[in-house]
Amino acid sequence: MTSLRSFVKRKRRELGLTQIELADRAGVGLRFVRELEQGKSSLRLDKVNQVLVLFGHCMGPVPLKRHDLS
């Protein structure tokens, strides 16, 4: 499973964007993009989705397997 931070960094690089350019296009601050790519554990979901929509994705509920719950 790919982590969110790895996914965003990889997609940003595939598009040839700097962190500043990604922040501008997504309508979020540069600090937010940096924290997202560094794996900060508490981020606003609405802002995460503002970034992910540029890559054709969004965050949402994902079912866990039974063994993941214990």
PDB file of N, CA and C in Angstrom:
ATOM      1  N   MET A   1       0.844  -1.169   0.000  1.00  0.00           N
ATOM      2  CA  MET A   1       0.000   0.000   0.000  1.00  0.00           C
ATOM      3  C   MET A   1       0.898   1.243   0.000  1.00  0.00           C
ATOM      4  N   THR A   2       0.566   2.191  -0.850  1.00  0.00           N
ATOM      5  CA  THR A   2       1.328   3.426  -0.956  1.00  0.00           C
ATOM      6  C   THR A   2       0.850   4.417   0.091  1.00  0.00           C
ATOM      7  N   SER A   3       1.776   5.076   0.755  1.00  0.00           N
ATOM      8  CA  SER A   3       1.391   6.091   1.730  1.00  0.00           C
ATOM      9  C   SER A   3       0.945   7.350   0.995  1.00  0.00           C
ATOM     10  N   LEU A   4       0.149   8.147   1.657  1.00  0.00           N
ATOM     11  CA  LEU A   4      -0.340   9.391   1.078  1.00  0.00           C
ATOM     12  C   LEU A   4       0.825  10.307   0.716  1.00  0.00           C
ATOM     13  N   ARG A   5       1.787  10.419   1.616  1.00  0.00           N
ATOM     14  CA  ARG A   5       2.923  11.306   1.362  1.00  0.00           C
ATOM     15  C   ARG A   5       3.701  10.873   0.126  1.00  0.00           C
ATOM     16  N   SER A   6       3.924   9.571  -0.035  1.00  0.00           N
ATOM     17  CA  SER A   6       4.641   9.066  -1.204  1.00  0.00           C
ATOM     18  C   SER A   6       3.847   9.282  -2.480  1.00  0.00           C
ATOM     19  N   PHE A   7       2.540   9.057  -2.402  1.00  0.00           N
ATOM     20  CA  PHE A   7       1.678   9.227  -3.567  1.00  0.00           C
ATOM     21  C   PHE A   7       1.718  10.675  -4.061  1.00  0.00           C
ATOM     22  N   VAL A   8       1.537  11.617  -3.157  1.00  0.00           N
ATOM     23  CA  VAL A   8       1.505  13.035  -3.540  1.00  0.00           C
ATOM     24  C   VAL A   8       2.849  13.463  -4.118  1.00  0.00           C
ATOM     25  N   LYS A   9       3.916  13.075  -3.465  1.00  0.00           N
ATOM     26  CA  LYS A   9       5.247  13.463  -3.954  1.00  0.00           C
ATOM     27  C   LYS A   9       5.510  12.873  -5.343  1.00  0.00           C
ATOM     28  N   ARG A  10       5.157  11.599  -5.522  1.00  0.00           N
ATOM     29  CA  ARG A  10       5.378  10.951  -6.813  1.00  0.00           C
ATOM     30  C   ARG A  10       4.552  11.607  -7.921  1.00  0.00           C
ATOM     31  N   LYS A  11       3.279  11.865  -7.656  1.00  0.00           N
ATOM     32  CA  LYS A  11       2.412  12.473  -8.663  1.00  0.00           C
ATOM     33  C   LYS A  11       2.866  13.897  -8.985  1.00  0.00           C
ATOM     34  N   ARG A  12       3.280  14.634  -7.968  1.00  0.00           N
ATOM     35  CA  ARG A  12       3.763  15.997  -8.191  1.00  0.00           C
ATOM     36  C   ARG A  12       4.972  15.977  -9.109  1.00  0.00           C
ATOM     37  N   ARG A  13       5.890  15.082  -8.850  1.00  0.00           N
ATOM     38  CA  ARG A  13       7.099  14.978  -9.669  1.00  0.00           C
ATOM     39  C   ARG A  13       6.788  14.505 -11.082  1.00  0.00           C
ATOM     40  N   GLU A  14       5.830  13.571 -11.223  1.00  0.00           N
ATOM     41  CA  GLU A  14       5.431  13.108 -12.549  1.00  0.00           C
ATOM     42  C   GLU A  14       4.903  14.260 -13.407  1.00  0.00           C
ATOM     43  N   LEU A  15       4.223  15.204 -12.772  1.00  0.00           N
ATOM     44  CA  LEU A  15       3.695  16.367 -13.484  1.00  0.00           C
ATOM     45  C   LEU A  15       4.733  17.482 -13.628  1.00  0.00           C
ATOM     46  N   GLY A  16       5.907  17.283 -13.033  1.00  0.00           N
ATOM     47  CA  GLY A  16       6.965  18.276 -13.136  1.00  0.00           C
ATOM     48  C   GLY A  16       6.675  19.542 -12.351  1.00  0.00           C
ATOM     49  N   LEU A  17       5.946  19.404 -11.244  1.00  0.00           N
ATOM     50  CA  LEU A  17       5.591  20.559 -10.427  1.00  0.00           C
ATOM     51  C   LEU A  17       6.498  20.698  -9.220  1.00  0.00           C
ATOM     52  N   THR A  18       6.786  21.925  -8.861  1.00  0.00           N
ATOM     53  CA  THR A  18       7.459  22.185  -7.587  1.00  0.00           C
ATOM     54  C   THR A  18       6.386  22.178  -6.504  1.00  0.00           C
ATOM     55  N   GLN A  19       6.811  22.168  -5.256  1.00  0.00           N
ATOM     56  CA  GLN A  19       5.841  22.242  -4.163  1.00  0.00           C
ATOM     57  C   GLN A  19       5.061  23.557  -4.238  1.00  0.00           C
ATOM     58  N   ILE A  20       5.724  24.630  -4.611  1.00  0.00           N
ATOM     59  CA  ILE A  20       5.061  25.937  -4.730  1.00  0.00           C
ATOM     60  C   ILE A  20       3.990  25.890  -5.814  1.00  0.00           C
ATOM     61  N   GLU A  21       4.319  25.308  -6.961  1.00  0.00           N
ATOM     62  CA  GLU A  21       3.354  25.217  -8.058  1.00  0.00           C
ATOM     63  C   GLU A  21       2.159  24.349  -7.681  1.00  0.00           C
ATOM     64  N   LEU A  22       2.408  23.247  -6.979  1.00  0.00           N
ATOM     65  CA  LEU A  22       1.318  22.383  -6.538  1.00  0.00           C
ATOM     66  C   LEU A  22       0.417  23.141  -5.569  1.00  0.00           C
ATOM     67  N   ALA A  23       0.999  23.843  -4.631  1.00  0.00           N
ATOM     68  CA  ALA A  23       0.221  24.617  -3.668  1.00  0.00           C
ATOM     69  C   ALA A  23      -0.653  25.647  -4.383  1.00  0.00           C
ATOM     70  N   ASP A  24      -0.073  26.352  -5.338  1.00  0.00           N
ATOM     71  CA  ASP A  24      -0.832  27.363  -6.093  1.00  0.00           C
ATOM     72  C   ASP A  24      -1.991  26.731  -6.855  1.00  0.00           C
ATOM     73  N   ARG A  25      -1.724  25.642  -7.562  1.00  0.00           N
ATOM     74  CA  ARG A  25      -2.776  24.991  -8.357  1.00  0.00           C
ATOM     75  C   ARG A  25      -3.883  24.420  -7.492  1.00  0.00           C
ATOM     76  N   ALA A  26      -3.526  23.909  -6.314  1.00  0.00           N
ATOM     77  CA  ALA A  26      -4.511  23.291  -5.430  1.00  0.00           C
ATOM     78  C   ALA A  26      -5.227  24.311  -4.554  1.00  0.00           C
ATOM     79  N   GLY A  27      -4.692  25.515  -4.472  1.00  0.00           N
ATOM     80  CA  GLY A  27      -5.311  26.535  -3.621  1.00  0.00           C
ATOM     81  C   GLY A  27      -5.050  26.314  -2.149  1.00  0.00           C
ATOM     82  N   VAL A  28      -3.897  25.727  -1.848  1.00  0.00           N
ATOM     83  CA  VAL A  28      -3.486  25.520  -0.457  1.00  0.00           C
ATOM     84  C   VAL A  28      -2.142  26.208  -0.255  1.00  0.00           C
ATOM     85  N   GLY A  29      -1.721  26.315   0.979  1.00  0.00           N
ATOM     86  CA  GLY A  29      -0.450  26.951   1.270  1.00  0.00           C
ATOM     87  C   GLY A  29       0.734  26.018   1.051  1.00  0.00           C
ATOM     88  N   LEU A  30       1.875  26.610   0.806  1.00  0.00           N
ATOM     89  CA  LEU A  30       3.112  25.841   0.641  1.00  0.00           C
ATOM     90  C   LEU A  30       3.396  25.018   1.887  1.00  0.00           C
ATOM     91  N   ARG A  31       3.172  25.582   3.038  1.00  0.00           N
ATOM     92  CA  ARG A  31       3.405  24.849   4.292  1.00  0.00           C
ATOM     93  C   ARG A  31       2.571  23.571   4.339  1.00  0.00           C
ATOM     94  N   PHE A  32       1.325  23.667   3.872  1.00  0.00           N
ATOM     95  CA  PHE A  32       0.462  22.480   3.868  1.00  0.00           C
ATOM     96  C   PHE A  32       1.044  21.393   2.970  1.00  0.00           C
ATOM     97  N   VAL A  33       1.491  21.764   1.768  1.00  0.00           N
ATOM     98  CA  VAL A  33       2.075  20.782   0.849  1.00  0.00           C
ATOM     99  C   VAL A  33       3.311  20.152   1.477  1.00  0.00           C
ATOM    100  N   ARG A  34       4.144  20.950   2.093  1.00  0.00           N
ATOM    101  CA  ARG A  34       5.349  20.405   2.752  1.00  0.00           C
ATOM    102  C   ARG A  34       4.976  19.425   3.848  1.00  0.00           C
ATOM    103  N   GLU A  35       4.008  19.800   4.680  1.00  0.00           N
ATOM    104  CA  GLU A  35       3.580  18.914   5.765  1.00  0.00           C
ATOM    105  C   GLU A  35       2.961  17.629   5.224  1.00  0.00           C
ATOM    106  N   LEU A  36       2.215  17.738   4.135  1.00  0.00           N
ATOM    107  CA  LEU A  36       1.610  16.572   3.504  1.00  0.00           C
ATOM    108  C   LEU A  36       2.685  15.612   3.005  1.00  0.00           C
ATOM    109  N   GLU A  37       3.686  16.148   2.334  1.00  0.00           N
ATOM    110  CA  GLU A  37       4.764  15.305   1.797  1.00  0.00           C
ATOM    111  C   GLU A  37       5.700  14.784   2.891  1.00  0.00           C
ATOM    112  N   GLN A  38       5.676  15.407   4.051  1.00  0.00           N
ATOM    113  CA  GLN A  38       6.505  14.926   5.164  1.00  0.00           C
ATOM    114  C   GLN A  38       5.751  13.918   6.030  1.00  0.00           C
ATOM    115  N   GLY A  39       4.469  13.714   5.732  1.00  0.00           N
ATOM    116  CA  GLY A  39       3.696  12.713   6.457  1.00  0.00           C
ATOM    117  C   GLY A  39       3.131  13.178   7.781  1.00  0.00           C
ATOM    118  N   LYS A  40       2.856  14.480   7.910  1.00  0.00           N
ATOM    119  CA  LYS A  40       2.268  14.982   9.149  1.00  0.00           C
ATOM    120  C   LYS A  40       1.002  14.186   9.440  1.00  0.00           C
ATOM    121  N   SER A  41       0.822  13.801  10.694  1.00  0.00           N
ATOM    122  CA  SER A  41      -0.274  12.894  11.039  1.00  0.00           C
ATOM    123  C   SER A  41      -1.634  13.576  11.158  1.00  0.00           C
ATOM    124  N   SER A  42      -1.669  14.876  11.325  1.00  0.00           N
ATOM    125  CA  SER A  42      -2.965  15.558  11.438  1.00  0.00           C
ATOM    126  C   SER A  42      -3.059  16.661  10.385  1.00  0.00           C
ATOM    127  N   LEU A  43      -3.824  16.360   9.343  1.00  0.00           N
ATOM    128  CA  LEU A  43      -4.038  17.304   8.253  1.00  0.00           C
ATOM    129  C   LEU A  43      -5.530  17.417   7.989  1.00  0.00           C
ATOM    130  N   ARG A  44      -5.965  18.568   7.523  1.00  0.00           N
ATOM    131  CA  ARG A  44      -7.376  18.757   7.192  1.00  0.00           C
ATOM    132  C   ARG A  44      -7.721  17.974   5.931  1.00  0.00           C
ATOM    133  N   LEU A  45      -8.735  17.134   6.039  1.00  0.00           N
ATOM    134  CA  LEU A  45      -9.136  16.276   4.936  1.00  0.00           C
ATOM    135  C   LEU A  45      -9.591  17.079   3.724  1.00  0.00           C
ATOM    136  N   ASP A  46     -10.267  18.194   3.946  1.00  0.00           N
ATOM    137  CA  ASP A  46     -10.713  18.998   2.812  1.00  0.00           C
ATOM    138  C   ASP A  46      -9.535  19.534   2.012  1.00  0.00           C
ATOM    139  N   LYS A  47      -8.471  19.905   2.703  1.00  0.00           N
ATOM    140  CA  LYS A  47      -7.277  20.395   2.004  1.00  0.00           C
ATOM    141  C   LYS A  47      -6.535  19.253   1.311  1.00  0.00           C
ATOM    142  N   VAL A  48      -6.501  18.096   1.938  1.00  0.00           N
ATOM    143  CA  VAL A  48      -5.885  16.926   1.303  1.00  0.00           C
ATOM    144  C   VAL A  48      -6.602  16.650  -0.017  1.00  0.00           C
ATOM    145  N   ASN A  49      -7.928  16.705   0.008  1.00  0.00           N
ATOM    146  CA  ASN A  49      -8.692  16.448  -1.211  1.00  0.00           C
ATOM    147  C   ASN A  49      -8.497  17.540  -2.256  1.00  0.00           C
ATOM    148  N   GLN A  50      -8.246  18.770  -1.843  1.00  0.00           N
ATOM    149  CA  GLN A  50      -7.948  19.834  -2.802  1.00  0.00           C
ATOM    150  C   GLN A  50      -6.697  19.485  -3.600  1.00  0.00           C
ATOM    151  N   VAL A  51      -5.721  18.878  -2.948  1.00  0.00           N
ATOM    152  CA  VAL A  51      -4.489  18.468  -3.620  1.00  0.00           C
ATOM    153  C   VAL A  51      -4.756  17.231  -4.477  1.00  0.00           C
ATOM    154  N   LEU A  52      -5.405  16.229  -3.905  1.00  0.00           N
ATOM    155  CA  LEU A  52      -5.615  14.961  -4.608  1.00  0.00           C
ATOM    156  C   LEU A  52      -6.473  15.099  -5.858  1.00  0.00           C
ATOM    157  N   VAL A  53      -7.407  16.044  -5.867  1.00  0.00           N
ATOM    158  CA  VAL A  53      -8.272  16.208  -7.034  1.00  0.00           C
ATOM    159  C   VAL A  53      -7.450  16.563  -8.274  1.00  0.00           C
ATOM    160  N   LEU A  54      -6.311  17.210  -8.099  1.00  0.00           N
ATOM    161  CA  LEU A  54      -5.437  17.519  -9.233  1.00  0.00           C
ATOM    162  C   LEU A  54      -4.884  16.255  -9.881  1.00  0.00           C
ATOM    163  N   PHE A  55      -4.841  15.173  -9.136  1.00  0.00           N
ATOM    164  CA  PHE A  55      -4.331  13.894  -9.632  1.00  0.00           C
ATOM    165  C   PHE A  55      -5.470  12.931  -9.977  1.00  0.00           C
ATOM    166  N   GLY A  56      -6.710  13.424  -9.922  1.00  0.00           N
ATOM    167  CA  GLY A  56      -7.855  12.579 -10.232  1.00  0.00           C
ATOM    168  C   GLY A  56      -8.212  11.602  -9.119  1.00  0.00           C
ATOM    169  N   HIS A  57      -7.898  11.961  -7.863  1.00  0.00           N
ATOM    170  CA  HIS A  57      -8.168  11.091  -6.721  1.00  0.00           C
ATOM    171  C   HIS A  57      -8.826  11.892  -5.596  1.00  0.00           C
ATOM    172  N   CYS A  58      -9.329  11.182  -4.599  1.00  0.00           N
ATOM    173  CA  CYS A  58      -9.816  11.807  -3.368  1.00  0.00           C
ATOM    174  C   CYS A  58      -9.712  10.788  -2.231  1.00  0.00           C
ATOM    175  N   MET A  59      -9.697  11.315  -1.036  1.00  0.00           N
ATOM    176  CA  MET A  59      -9.672  10.452   0.153  1.00  0.00           C
ATOM    177  C   MET A  59     -11.096  10.083   0.503  1.00  0.00           C
ATOM    178  N   GLY A  60     -11.258   8.914   1.052  1.00  0.00           N
ATOM    179  CA  GLY A  60     -12.569   8.471   1.478  1.00  0.00           C
ATOM    180  C   GLY A  60     -12.439   7.263   2.379  1.00  0.00           C
ATOM    181  N   PRO A  61     -13.566   6.763   2.878  1.00  0.00           N
ATOM    182  CA  PRO A  61     -13.521   5.598   3.746  1.00  0.00           C
ATOM    183  C   PRO A  61     -13.054   4.356   2.977  1.00  0.00           C
ATOM    184  N   VAL A  62     -12.190   3.625   3.600  1.00  0.00           N
ATOM    185  CA  VAL A  62     -11.672   2.389   3.013  1.00  0.00           C
ATOM    186  C   VAL A  62     -11.949   1.266   4.019  1.00  0.00           C
ATOM    187  N   PRO A  63     -12.618   0.221   3.579  1.00  0.00           N
ATOM    188  CA  PRO A  63     -12.902  -0.871   4.516  1.00  0.00           C
ATOM    189  C   PRO A  63     -11.615  -1.547   4.982  1.00  0.00           C
ATOM    190  N   LEU A  64     -11.575  -1.871   6.256  1.00  0.00           N
ATOM    191  CA  LEU A  64     -10.435  -2.583   6.821  1.00  0.00           C
ATOM    192  C   LEU A  64     -10.737  -4.070   6.850  1.00  0.00           C
ATOM    193  N   LYS A  65      -9.704  -4.852   6.718  1.00  0.00           N
ATOM    194  CA  LYS A  65      -9.861  -6.296   6.874  1.00  0.00           C
ATOM    195  C   LYS A  65      -9.989  -6.590   8.357  1.00  0.00           C
ATOM    196  N   ARG A  66     -10.625  -7.665   8.660  1.00  0.00           N
ATOM    197  CA  ARG A  66     -10.889  -8.049  10.056  1.00  0.00           C
ATOM    198  C   ARG A  66      -9.633  -8.012  10.909  1.00  0.00           C
ATOM    199  N   HIS A  67      -8.518  -8.520  10.398  1.00  0.00           N
ATOM    200  CA  HIS A  67      -7.290  -8.583  11.202  1.00  0.00           C
ATOM    201  C   HIS A  67      -6.693  -7.199  11.433  1.00  0.00           C
ATOM    202  N   ASP A  68      -7.093  -6.184  10.649  1.00  0.00           N
ATOM    203  CA  ASP A  68      -6.596  -4.823  10.852  1.00  0.00           C
ATOM    204  C   ASP A  68      -7.258  -4.141  12.042  1.00  0.00           C
ATOM    205  N   LEU A  69      -8.363  -4.667  12.499  1.00  0.00           N
ATOM    206  CA  LEU A  69      -9.131  -4.041  13.572  1.00  0.00           C
ATOM    207  C   LEU A  69      -8.591  -4.369  14.966  1.00  0.00           C
ATOM    208  N   SER A  70      -7.795  -5.416  15.105  1.00  0.00           N
ATOM    209  CA  SER A  70      -7.332  -5.786  16.448  1.00  0.00           C
ATOM    210  C   SER A  70      -5.997  -5.213  16.780  1.00  0.00           C
TER     211      SER A  70
END
